[in-house]
Amino acid sequence: MTPEDRALVEREPALPGLGVLLDDEALTAWLRERRPQDAIERAWGTYVRYKPGTSCLLAVSSTRAGEPGVRLG
């Protein structure tokens, strides 16, 4: 996670999952735990729509079993 993202997470306690969305390693671990059937190797955000104090929408891509750039939907 970048220092800027970390600062944003600290400023947004009303969005408790924001830290997971902005940290590729944490996002990968979170998705692996919840979607083991997808065999996710790596996941990362490709688009972020952030509304301060309200919401954060993240489009996610991943590699699964050697398939690069698979969008999760």
C-alpha atoms as a PDB file:
ATOM      1  CA  MET A   1       0.000   0.000   0.000  1.00  0.00           C
ATOM      2  CA  THR A   2       1.308   3.435  -0.851  1.00  0.00           C
ATOM      3  CA  PRO A   3       1.799   6.057   1.875  1.00  0.00           C
ATOM      4  CA  GLU A   4      -1.012   8.091   0.285  1.00  0.00           C
ATOM      5  CA  ASP A   5      -3.402   5.124   0.433  1.00  0.00           C
ATOM      6  CA  ARG A   6      -2.423   4.430   4.043  1.00  0.00           C
ATOM      7  CA  ALA A   7      -3.163   8.073   4.956  1.00  0.00           C
ATOM      8  CA  LEU A   8      -6.550   7.816   3.239  1.00  0.00           C
ATOM      9  CA  VAL A   9      -7.406   4.643   5.169  1.00  0.00           C
ATOM     10  CA  GLU A  10      -6.526   6.382   8.432  1.00  0.00           C
ATOM     11  CA  ARG A  11      -8.801   9.327   7.532  1.00  0.00           C
ATOM     12  CA  GLU A  12     -11.755   7.056   6.692  1.00  0.00           C
ATOM     13  CA  PRO A  13     -12.781   5.028   9.763  1.00  0.00           C
ATOM     14  CA  ALA A  14     -16.355   4.930   8.391  1.00  0.00           C
ATOM     15  CA  LEU A  15     -15.112   2.655   5.560  1.00  0.00           C
ATOM     16  CA  PRO A  16     -13.617  -0.286   7.502  1.00  0.00           C
ATOM     17  CA  GLY A  17     -12.747  -2.436   4.463  1.00  0.00           C
ATOM     18  CA  LEU A  18     -10.936   0.329   2.618  1.00  0.00           C
ATOM     19  CA  GLY A  19      -7.515  -0.910   3.716  1.00  0.00           C
ATOM     20  CA  VAL A  20      -8.151  -4.312   2.144  1.00  0.00           C
ATOM     21  CA  LEU A  21      -9.310  -2.789  -1.143  1.00  0.00           C
ATOM     22  CA  LEU A  22      -6.245  -0.578  -1.484  1.00  0.00           C
ATOM     23  CA  ASP A  23      -3.660  -3.219  -0.548  1.00  0.00           C
ATOM     24  CA  ASP A  24      -3.130  -5.810  -3.298  1.00  0.00           C
ATOM     25  CA  GLU A  25      -1.683  -8.421  -0.921  1.00  0.00           C
ATOM     26  CA  ALA A  26      -4.544  -8.034   1.561  1.00  0.00           C
ATOM     27  CA  LEU A  27      -7.087  -8.093  -1.284  1.00  0.00           C
ATOM     28  CA  THR A  28      -5.560 -11.282  -2.682  1.00  0.00           C
ATOM     29  CA  ALA A  29      -5.675 -12.986   0.728  1.00  0.00           C
ATOM     30  CA  TRP A  30      -9.267 -11.836   1.336  1.00  0.00           C
ATOM     31  CA  LEU A  31     -10.444 -13.164  -2.035  1.00  0.00           C
ATOM     32  CA  ARG A  32      -8.560 -16.464  -1.682  1.00  0.00           C
ATOM     33  CA  GLU A  33     -10.303 -17.053   1.641  1.00  0.00           C
ATOM     34  CA  ARG A  34     -13.772 -16.274   0.310  1.00  0.00           C
ATOM     35  CA  ARG A  35     -13.456 -17.748  -3.199  1.00  0.00           C
ATOM     36  CA  PRO A  36     -11.189 -20.802  -2.939  1.00  0.00           C
ATOM     37  CA  GLN A  37     -12.864 -22.322  -6.013  1.00  0.00           C
ATOM     38  CA  ASP A  38     -11.337 -19.535  -8.150  1.00  0.00           C
ATOM     39  CA  ALA A  39      -7.711 -20.525  -7.371  1.00  0.00           C
ATOM     40  CA  ILE A  40      -6.631 -16.878  -7.289  1.00  0.00           C
ATOM     41  CA  GLU A  41      -2.880 -16.398  -7.526  1.00  0.00           C
ATOM     42  CA  ARG A  42      -2.866 -12.591  -7.384  1.00  0.00           C
ATOM     43  CA  ALA A  43      -5.534  -9.867  -7.377  1.00  0.00           C
ATOM     44  CA  TRP A  44      -5.339  -6.107  -7.852  1.00  0.00           C
ATOM     45  CA  GLY A  45      -7.655  -3.154  -8.287  1.00  0.00           C
ATOM     46  CA  THR A  46      -8.030  -1.803 -11.804  1.00  0.00           C
ATOM     47  CA  TYR A  47     -10.516   0.988 -11.118  1.00  0.00           C
ATOM     48  CA  VAL A  48     -11.442   2.807  -7.929  1.00  0.00           C
ATOM     49  CA  ARG A  49     -14.443   5.062  -7.384  1.00  0.00           C
ATOM     50  CA  TYR A  50     -14.180   6.688  -3.985  1.00  0.00           C
ATOM     51  CA  LYS A  51     -16.798   8.879  -2.334  1.00  0.00           C
ATOM     52  CA  PRO A  52     -15.384  10.404   0.860  1.00  0.00           C
ATOM     53  CA  GLY A  53     -17.121   9.135   3.966  1.00  0.00           C
ATOM     54  CA  THR A  54     -19.623   7.160   1.898  1.00  0.00           C
ATOM     55  CA  SER A  55     -18.263   4.359  -0.276  1.00  0.00           C
ATOM     56  CA  CYS A  56     -15.464   2.877  -2.314  1.00  0.00           C
ATOM     57  CA  LEU A  57     -16.097   0.788  -5.424  1.00  0.00           C
ATOM     58  CA  LEU A  58     -13.257  -1.332  -6.781  1.00  0.00           C
ATOM     59  CA  ALA A  59     -13.017  -3.244 -10.059  1.00  0.00           C
ATOM     60  CA  VAL A  60     -10.696  -6.215  -9.554  1.00  0.00           C
ATOM     61  CA  SER A  61      -8.576  -8.267 -11.928  1.00  0.00           C
ATOM     62  CA  SER A  62      -6.651 -11.373 -11.021  1.00  0.00           C
ATOM     63  CA  THR A  63      -4.449 -14.164 -12.237  1.00  0.00           C
ATOM     64  CA  ARG A  64      -5.865 -17.637 -11.773  1.00  0.00           C
ATOM     65  CA  ALA A  65      -3.999 -20.797 -12.627  1.00  0.00           C
ATOM     66  CA  GLY A  66      -1.719 -18.884 -14.974  1.00  0.00           C
ATOM     67  CA  GLU A  67      -4.515 -16.945 -16.716  1.00  0.00           C
ATOM     68  CA  PRO A  68      -3.523 -13.262 -16.603  1.00  0.00           C
ATOM     69  CA  GLY A  69      -6.030 -10.464 -16.206  1.00  0.00           C
ATOM     70  CA  VAL A  70      -9.188 -12.374 -15.311  1.00  0.00           C
ATOM     71  CA  ARG A  71     -11.901  -9.987 -14.110  1.00  0.00           C
ATOM     72  CA  LEU A  72     -13.825 -11.130 -11.079  1.00  0.00           C
ATOM     73  CA  GLY A  73     -17.491 -10.370 -11.253  1.00  0.00           C
END
